[in-house]
Amino acid sequence: MEYQVNLQANVMVPQSVPGTYFSILETGAAPSISIKIKAGSRELEAVQTARRGLQAETKEAFSVVELLSTINTTVKVIISDGSVKVDSTDGASVLATIVNTPLPVVNDRGAPGNPVHVSGLLASDSPATGFQQPAPVAMGAAPALIIGADLTRKALRLHNLGPDPVAVGGVGITWATRALVLDVGDIWVEEDGANLAWHGVCDAGKTANVAQQGILA
């Protein structure tokens, strides 16, 4: 059965329910609690930092589980004779370290700290409906607009026709703050920020012509 137990800071609370299976569903405000599983006065198991998802199954039936927290909290536990098992991964967080492998993120489904549920097709899911192919834009030492914003644009290709390198990015870009530079002949394919307005700039005394091709959703 599931039990909800209110714990006061540093006050041990016994849960006198016999069983062979014990699991922690929630630890409330406490990051962890201390537990002792006993058969009468004899200690069968003890964990000092028991966290959400802990499961303990004893060969011998226990008679009491003692719970202790360093702060006031409310915990939820399950005690049974072993006929109940809990999926401790449901609702759990997963921490991962990914080395040398890019992890693609689609930001039209929300930010990592503020995800959203999406039902149906998005711009990035839907088939293309057309092209944008305006005339190439001349770039110089002063920042200039390459292509304006368009919410229906799902992909954008920028091609530096030369004769010099060009930096591309957002409004206010300067050669000193360049991050993405296209050498002569380079083509940049943008999907994440294809709907945004893109600007370009060259180094002092340099010029370039940038061709664009937009893919519309």
C-alpha atoms as a PDB file:
ATOM      1  CA  MET A   1       0.000   0.000   0.000  1.00  0.00           C
ATOM      2  CA  GLU A   2       1.002   3.633  -0.451  1.00  0.00           C
ATOM      3  CA  TYR A   3       1.615   5.715   2.663  1.00  0.00           C
ATOM      4  CA  GLN A   4       2.162   9.439   3.136  1.00  0.00           C
ATOM      5  CA  VAL A   5       4.330  10.251   6.133  1.00  0.00           C
ATOM      6  CA  ASN A   6       4.939  13.708   7.633  1.00  0.00           C
ATOM      7  CA  LEU A   7       8.472  14.035   8.982  1.00  0.00           C
ATOM      8  CA  GLN A   8       9.713  16.690  11.373  1.00  0.00           C
ATOM      9  CA  ALA A   9      13.382  17.634  11.226  1.00  0.00           C
ATOM     10  CA  ASN A  10      15.598  15.098  13.016  1.00  0.00           C
ATOM     11  CA  VAL A  11      12.625  13.186  14.465  1.00  0.00           C
ATOM     12  CA  MET A  12      12.545   9.490  13.612  1.00  0.00           C
ATOM     13  CA  VAL A  13       9.114   8.234  12.566  1.00  0.00           C
ATOM     14  CA  PRO A  14       8.442   4.478  12.523  1.00  0.00           C
ATOM     15  CA  GLN A  15       6.081   3.068   9.918  1.00  0.00           C
ATOM     16  CA  SER A  16       4.931  -0.146  11.554  1.00  0.00           C
ATOM     17  CA  VAL A  17       3.701  -2.053   8.528  1.00  0.00           C
ATOM     18  CA  PRO A  18       4.958  -5.588   7.824  1.00  0.00           C
ATOM     19  CA  GLY A  19       6.189  -6.522   4.377  1.00  0.00           C
ATOM     20  CA  THR A  20       9.094  -7.619   2.216  1.00  0.00           C
ATOM     21  CA  TYR A  21       9.149  -4.710  -0.262  1.00  0.00           C
ATOM     22  CA  PHE A  22       9.776  -1.001   0.382  1.00  0.00           C
ATOM     23  CA  SER A  23       9.997   1.866  -2.111  1.00  0.00           C
ATOM     24  CA  ILE A  24      10.269   5.656  -1.893  1.00  0.00           C
ATOM     25  CA  LEU A  25       7.931   7.487  -4.283  1.00  0.00           C
ATOM     26  CA  GLU A  26       8.687  11.053  -3.144  1.00  0.00           C
ATOM     27  CA  THR A  27      10.927  12.719  -0.566  1.00  0.00           C
ATOM     28  CA  GLY A  28       9.204  16.102  -0.717  1.00  0.00           C
ATOM     29  CA  ALA A  29      11.378  19.062   0.237  1.00  0.00           C
ATOM     30  CA  ALA A  30      14.226  16.813   1.379  1.00  0.00           C
ATOM     31  CA  PRO A  31      16.814  15.751  -1.223  1.00  0.00           C
ATOM     32  CA  SER A  32      17.158  12.462   0.665  1.00  0.00           C
ATOM     33  CA  ILE A  33      16.095  10.773   3.883  1.00  0.00           C
ATOM     34  CA  SER A  34      17.551   8.114   6.179  1.00  0.00           C
ATOM     35  CA  ILE A  35      15.793   4.751   6.505  1.00  0.00           C
ATOM     36  CA  LYS A  36      16.180   1.643   8.621  1.00  0.00           C
ATOM     37  CA  ILE A  37      14.312  -1.560   7.837  1.00  0.00           C
ATOM     38  CA  LYS A  38      13.852  -3.801  10.861  1.00  0.00           C
ATOM     39  CA  ALA A  39      12.403  -7.136  11.857  1.00  0.00           C
ATOM     40  CA  GLY A  40      11.468  -6.400  15.451  1.00  0.00           C
ATOM     41  CA  SER A  41      14.562  -4.822  16.993  1.00  0.00           C
ATOM     42  CA  ARG A  42      16.911  -6.426  14.458  1.00  0.00           C
ATOM     43  CA  GLU A  43      18.128  -4.211  11.632  1.00  0.00           C
ATOM     44  CA  LEU A  44      17.870  -5.770   8.158  1.00  0.00           C
ATOM     45  CA  GLU A  45      18.852  -2.800   5.980  1.00  0.00           C
ATOM     46  CA  ALA A  46      19.897   0.826   6.499  1.00  0.00           C
ATOM     47  CA  VAL A  47      20.438   3.663   4.017  1.00  0.00           C
ATOM     48  CA  GLN A  48      21.638   7.098   5.128  1.00  0.00           C
ATOM     49  CA  THR A  49      20.853   8.975   1.877  1.00  0.00           C
ATOM     50  CA  ALA A  50      17.795   7.271   0.447  1.00  0.00           C
ATOM     51  CA  ARG A  51      16.357   9.159  -2.512  1.00  0.00           C
ATOM     52  CA  ARG A  52      13.286   9.005  -4.705  1.00  0.00           C
ATOM     53  CA  GLY A  53      13.161   5.707  -6.569  1.00  0.00           C
ATOM     54  CA  LEU A  54      14.916   3.623  -3.899  1.00  0.00           C
ATOM     55  CA  GLN A  55      13.543   0.094  -3.798  1.00  0.00           C
ATOM     56  CA  ALA A  56      14.382  -2.546  -1.219  1.00  0.00           C
ATOM     57  CA  GLU A  57      13.226  -6.147  -1.202  1.00  0.00           C
ATOM     58  CA  THR A  58      14.166  -8.340   1.769  1.00  0.00           C
ATOM     59  CA  LYS A  59      14.273 -12.122   1.918  1.00  0.00           C
ATOM     60  CA  GLU A  60      12.952 -11.975   5.464  1.00  0.00           C
ATOM     61  CA  ALA A  61       9.742 -10.119   6.281  1.00  0.00           C
ATOM     62  CA  PHE A  62      10.272  -6.850   8.148  1.00  0.00           C
ATOM     63  CA  SER A  63       7.926  -5.354  10.721  1.00  0.00           C
ATOM     64  CA  VAL A  64       8.832  -1.666  10.720  1.00  0.00           C
ATOM     65  CA  VAL A  65      10.552   0.962   8.583  1.00  0.00           C
ATOM     66  CA  GLU A  66      12.077   3.933  10.415  1.00  0.00           C
ATOM     67  CA  LEU A  67      12.184   7.230   8.486  1.00  0.00           C
ATOM     68  CA  LEU A  68      14.336  10.252   9.378  1.00  0.00           C
ATOM     69  CA  SER A  69      14.823  13.612   7.646  1.00  0.00           C
ATOM     70  CA  THR A  70      17.063  16.564   8.484  1.00  0.00           C
ATOM     71  CA  ILE A  71      14.302  19.001   7.451  1.00  0.00           C
ATOM     72  CA  ASN A  72      10.515  19.094   7.651  1.00  0.00           C
ATOM     73  CA  THR A  73       9.084  17.202   4.715  1.00  0.00           C
ATOM     74  CA  THR A  74       6.341  14.860   3.557  1.00  0.00           C
ATOM     75  CA  VAL A  75       7.379  11.570   1.981  1.00  0.00           C
ATOM     76  CA  LYS A  76       5.418   8.996   0.053  1.00  0.00           C
ATOM     77  CA  VAL A  77       6.380   5.344   0.328  1.00  0.00           C
ATOM     78  CA  ILE A  78       5.073   1.934  -0.651  1.00  0.00           C
ATOM     79  CA  ILE A  79       5.222  -1.053   1.671  1.00  0.00           C
ATOM     80  CA  SER A  80       3.985  -4.425   0.468  1.00  0.00           C
ATOM     81  CA  ASP A  81       4.511  -8.153   0.676  1.00  0.00           C
ATOM     82  CA  GLY A  82       6.352  -8.085  -2.662  1.00  0.00           C
ATOM     83  CA  SER A  83       3.342  -8.281  -4.959  1.00  0.00           C
ATOM     84  CA  VAL A  84       3.741  -4.604  -5.968  1.00  0.00           C
ATOM     85  CA  LYS A  85       6.614  -3.147  -7.964  1.00  0.00           C
ATOM     86  CA  VAL A  86       7.156   0.524  -8.798  1.00  0.00           C
ATOM     87  CA  ASP A  87       8.480   2.046 -12.035  1.00  0.00           C
ATOM     88  CA  SER A  88      11.054   4.406 -10.552  1.00  0.00           C
ATOM     89  CA  THR A  89      11.904   5.921 -13.957  1.00  0.00           C
ATOM     90  CA  ASP A  90       8.447   7.422 -14.488  1.00  0.00           C
ATOM     91  CA  GLY A  91       8.805  11.200 -14.232  1.00  0.00           C
ATOM     92  CA  ALA A  92      12.499  10.977 -13.383  1.00  0.00           C
ATOM     93  CA  SER A  93      15.166  13.326 -14.697  1.00  0.00           C
ATOM     94  CA  VAL A  94      18.027  11.966 -16.777  1.00  0.00           C
ATOM     95  CA  LEU A  95      21.471  13.581 -16.620  1.00  0.00           C
ATOM     96  CA  ALA A  96      23.803  12.723 -19.480  1.00  0.00           C
ATOM     97  CA  THR A  97      27.278  13.721 -20.577  1.00  0.00           C
ATOM     98  CA  ILE A  98      27.566  13.561 -24.356  1.00  0.00           C
ATOM     99  CA  VAL A  99      31.131  13.549 -25.658  1.00  0.00           C
ATOM    100  CA  ASN A 100      32.055  14.203 -29.304  1.00  0.00           C
ATOM    101  CA  THR A 101      28.473  13.647 -30.455  1.00  0.00           C
ATOM    102  CA  PRO A 102      26.281  16.627 -31.414  1.00  0.00           C
ATOM    103  CA  LEU A 103      22.812  16.615 -29.875  1.00  0.00           C
ATOM    104  CA  PRO A 104      20.283  18.205 -32.268  1.00  0.00           C
ATOM    105  CA  VAL A 105      17.677  20.439 -30.647  1.00  0.00           C
ATOM    106  CA  VAL A 106      14.534  21.700 -32.404  1.00  0.00           C
ATOM    107  CA  ASN A 107      13.730  25.021 -30.755  1.00  0.00           C
ATOM    108  CA  ASP A 108      10.227  25.289 -32.228  1.00  0.00           C
ATOM    109  CA  ARG A 109       9.214  22.823 -29.512  1.00  0.00           C
ATOM    110  CA  GLY A 110      10.299  25.134 -26.711  1.00  0.00           C
ATOM    111  CA  ALA A 111      13.462  25.825 -24.789  1.00  0.00           C
ATOM    112  CA  PRO A 112      15.195  23.246 -22.554  1.00  0.00           C
ATOM    113  CA  GLY A 113      13.972  25.060 -19.459  1.00  0.00           C
ATOM    114  CA  ASN A 114      10.502  25.648 -20.851  1.00  0.00           C
ATOM    115  CA  PRO A 115       9.475  22.747 -23.113  1.00  0.00           C
ATOM    116  CA  VAL A 116       6.112  22.753 -24.837  1.00  0.00           C
ATOM    117  CA  HIS A 117       3.855  19.967 -25.995  1.00  0.00           C
ATOM    118  CA  VAL A 118       3.239  20.094 -29.732  1.00  0.00           C
ATOM    119  CA  SER A 119       0.396  18.364 -31.526  1.00  0.00           C
ATOM    120  CA  GLY A 120       0.275  18.312 -35.324  1.00  0.00           C
ATOM    121  CA  LEU A 121       2.675  19.535 -38.003  1.00  0.00           C
ATOM    122  CA  LEU A 122       5.156  22.357 -37.470  1.00  0.00           C
ATOM    123  CA  ALA A 123       6.943  24.436 -40.068  1.00  0.00           C
ATOM    124  CA  SER A 124       9.963  22.169 -39.824  1.00  0.00           C
ATOM    125  CA  ASP A 125       7.779  19.077 -40.311  1.00  0.00           C
ATOM    126  CA  SER A 126       5.632  20.216 -43.210  1.00  0.00           C
ATOM    127  CA  PRO A 127       6.604  19.805 -46.885  1.00  0.00           C
ATOM    128  CA  ALA A 128       8.035  22.776 -48.743  1.00  0.00           C
ATOM    129  CA  THR A 129       5.655  24.938 -50.769  1.00  0.00           C
ATOM    130  CA  GLY A 130       7.992  27.224 -52.718  1.00  0.00           C
ATOM    131  CA  PHE A 131      11.259  29.123 -53.169  1.00  0.00           C
ATOM    132  CA  GLN A 132      12.518  32.631 -52.462  1.00  0.00           C
ATOM    133  CA  GLN A 133      15.250  33.562 -54.949  1.00  0.00           C
ATOM    134  CA  PRO A 134      15.838  37.322 -54.857  1.00  0.00           C
ATOM    135  CA  ALA A 135      18.732  39.012 -56.637  1.00  0.00           C
ATOM    136  CA  PRO A 136      22.188  38.855 -54.991  1.00  0.00           C
ATOM    137  CA  VAL A 137      22.873  41.633 -52.474  1.00  0.00           C
ATOM    138  CA  ALA A 138      26.063  43.709 -52.515  1.00  0.00           C
ATOM    139  CA  MET A 139      27.988  43.782 -49.233  1.00  0.00           C
ATOM    140  CA  GLY A 140      30.601  46.255 -48.049  1.00  0.00           C
ATOM    141  CA  ALA A 141      32.231  47.520 -44.868  1.00  0.00           C
ATOM    142  CA  ALA A 142      28.855  48.806 -43.582  1.00  0.00           C
ATOM    143  CA  PRO A 143      26.354  46.186 -42.338  1.00  0.00           C
ATOM    144  CA  ALA A 144      23.562  45.544 -44.859  1.00  0.00           C
ATOM    145  CA  LEU A 145      20.392  43.450 -44.975  1.00  0.00           C
ATOM    146  CA  ILE A 146      20.716  40.259 -46.992  1.00  0.00           C
ATOM    147  CA  ILE A 147      17.165  38.962 -46.583  1.00  0.00           C
ATOM    148  CA  GLY A 148      14.264  40.033 -44.384  1.00  0.00           C
ATOM    149  CA  ALA A 149      12.426  37.968 -41.781  1.00  0.00           C
ATOM    150  CA  ASP A 150       9.746  35.534 -42.949  1.00  0.00           C
ATOM    151  CA  LEU A 151       7.879  33.234 -40.552  1.00  0.00           C
ATOM    152  CA  THR A 152       7.020  30.851 -43.394  1.00  0.00           C
ATOM    153  CA  ARG A 153      10.662  30.264 -44.343  1.00  0.00           C
ATOM    154  CA  LYS A 154      11.852  26.866 -43.108  1.00  0.00           C
ATOM    155  CA  ALA A 155      15.361  26.850 -44.628  1.00  0.00           C
ATOM    156  CA  LEU A 156      17.775  29.434 -46.014  1.00  0.00           C
ATOM    157  CA  ARG A 157      20.875  29.113 -48.192  1.00  0.00           C
ATOM    158  CA  LEU A 158      23.437  31.900 -48.460  1.00  0.00           C
ATOM    159  CA  HIS A 159      26.116  31.788 -51.188  1.00  0.00           C
ATOM    160  CA  ASN A 160      29.100  34.158 -51.227  1.00  0.00           C
ATOM    161  CA  LEU A 161      29.757  35.027 -54.871  1.00  0.00           C
ATOM    162  CA  GLY A 162      32.845  37.099 -53.930  1.00  0.00           C
ATOM    163  CA  PRO A 163      35.191  38.687 -54.593  1.00  0.00           C
ATOM    164  CA  ASP A 164      35.952  38.852 -50.821  1.00  0.00           C
ATOM    165  CA  PRO A 165      34.875  37.054 -47.619  1.00  0.00           C
ATOM    166  CA  VAL A 166      31.658  38.155 -45.915  1.00  0.00           C
ATOM    167  CA  ALA A 167      30.413  37.750 -42.338  1.00  0.00           C
ATOM    168  CA  VAL A 168      26.712  36.941 -41.912  1.00  0.00           C
ATOM    169  CA  GLY A 169      24.468  37.117 -38.869  1.00  0.00           C
ATOM    170  CA  GLY A 170      21.911  39.265 -37.111  1.00  0.00           C
ATOM    171  CA  VAL A 171      21.187  42.971 -37.153  1.00  0.00           C
ATOM    172  CA  GLY A 172      24.115  45.071 -35.928  1.00  0.00           C
ATOM    173  CA  ILE A 173      26.779  42.611 -37.069  1.00  0.00           C
ATOM    174  CA  THR A 174      30.238  44.112 -37.623  1.00  0.00           C
ATOM    175  CA  TRP A 175      33.446  42.652 -38.976  1.00  0.00           C
ATOM    176  CA  ALA A 176      34.907  42.916 -35.473  1.00  0.00           C
ATOM    177  CA  THR A 177      32.063  40.811 -33.997  1.00  0.00           C
ATOM    178  CA  ARG A 178      31.933  38.261 -36.817  1.00  0.00           C
ATOM    179  CA  ALA A 179      31.264  34.635 -35.931  1.00  0.00           C
ATOM    180  CA  LEU A 180      30.162  33.095 -39.221  1.00  0.00           C
ATOM    181  CA  VAL A 181      32.358  34.011 -42.208  1.00  0.00           C
ATOM    182  CA  LEU A 182      31.758  32.771 -45.760  1.00  0.00           C
ATOM    183  CA  ASP A 183      34.796  32.671 -48.004  1.00  0.00           C
ATOM    184  CA  VAL A 184      34.310  33.101 -51.724  1.00  0.00           C
ATOM    185  CA  GLY A 185      32.222  30.208 -53.039  1.00  0.00           C
ATOM    186  CA  ASP A 186      31.019  29.087 -49.600  1.00  0.00           C
ATOM    187  CA  ILE A 187      27.341  28.177 -49.092  1.00  0.00           C
ATOM    188  CA  TRP A 188      25.713  28.325 -45.667  1.00  0.00           C
ATOM    189  CA  VAL A 189      22.527  26.288 -45.072  1.00  0.00           C
ATOM    190  CA  GLU A 190      20.443  27.594 -42.161  1.00  0.00           C
ATOM    191  CA  GLU A 191      17.414  25.825 -40.688  1.00  0.00           C
ATOM    192  CA  ASP A 192      17.141  26.823 -37.020  1.00  0.00           C
ATOM    193  CA  GLY A 193      17.143  30.567 -37.729  1.00  0.00           C
ATOM    194  CA  ALA A 194      15.924  30.528 -41.321  1.00  0.00           C
ATOM    195  CA  ASN A 195      12.861  32.635 -40.450  1.00  0.00           C
ATOM    196  CA  LEU A 196      14.989  35.516 -39.114  1.00  0.00           C
ATOM    197  CA  ALA A 197      16.338  38.549 -40.927  1.00  0.00           C
ATOM    198  CA  TRP A 198      19.984  38.023 -41.990  1.00  0.00           C
ATOM    199  CA  HIS A 199      22.605  40.746 -42.431  1.00  0.00           C
ATOM    200  CA  GLY A 200      26.146  40.784 -43.759  1.00  0.00           C
ATOM    201  CA  VAL A 201      29.333  42.842 -43.643  1.00  0.00           C
ATOM    202  CA  CYS A 202      32.834  42.770 -45.141  1.00  0.00           C
ATOM    203  CA  ASP A 203      36.181  43.906 -43.803  1.00  0.00           C
ATOM    204  CA  ALA A 204      37.293  47.474 -44.530  1.00  0.00           C
ATOM    205  CA  GLY A 205      37.936  47.987 -48.246  1.00  0.00           C
ATOM    206  CA  LYS A 206      36.400  44.614 -49.160  1.00  0.00           C
ATOM    207  CA  THR A 207      33.202  43.757 -51.038  1.00  0.00           C
ATOM    208  CA  ALA A 208      31.097  40.709 -51.730  1.00  0.00           C
ATOM    209  CA  ASN A 209      27.843  39.688 -53.358  1.00  0.00           C
ATOM    210  CA  VAL A 210      25.577  37.257 -51.474  1.00  0.00           C
ATOM    211  CA  ALA A 211      22.966  35.150 -53.258  1.00  0.00           C
ATOM    212  CA  GLN A 212      20.032  33.767 -51.229  1.00  0.00           C
ATOM    213  CA  GLN A 213      17.591  30.927 -51.626  1.00  0.00           C
ATOM    214  CA  GLY A 214      14.756  30.516 -49.162  1.00  0.00           C
ATOM    215  CA  ILE A 215      12.595  27.403 -48.784  1.00  0.00           C
ATOM    216  CA  LEU A 216       9.012  28.169 -47.752  1.00  0.00           C
ATOM    217  CA  ALA A 217       6.806  25.948 -45.626  1.00  0.00           C
END
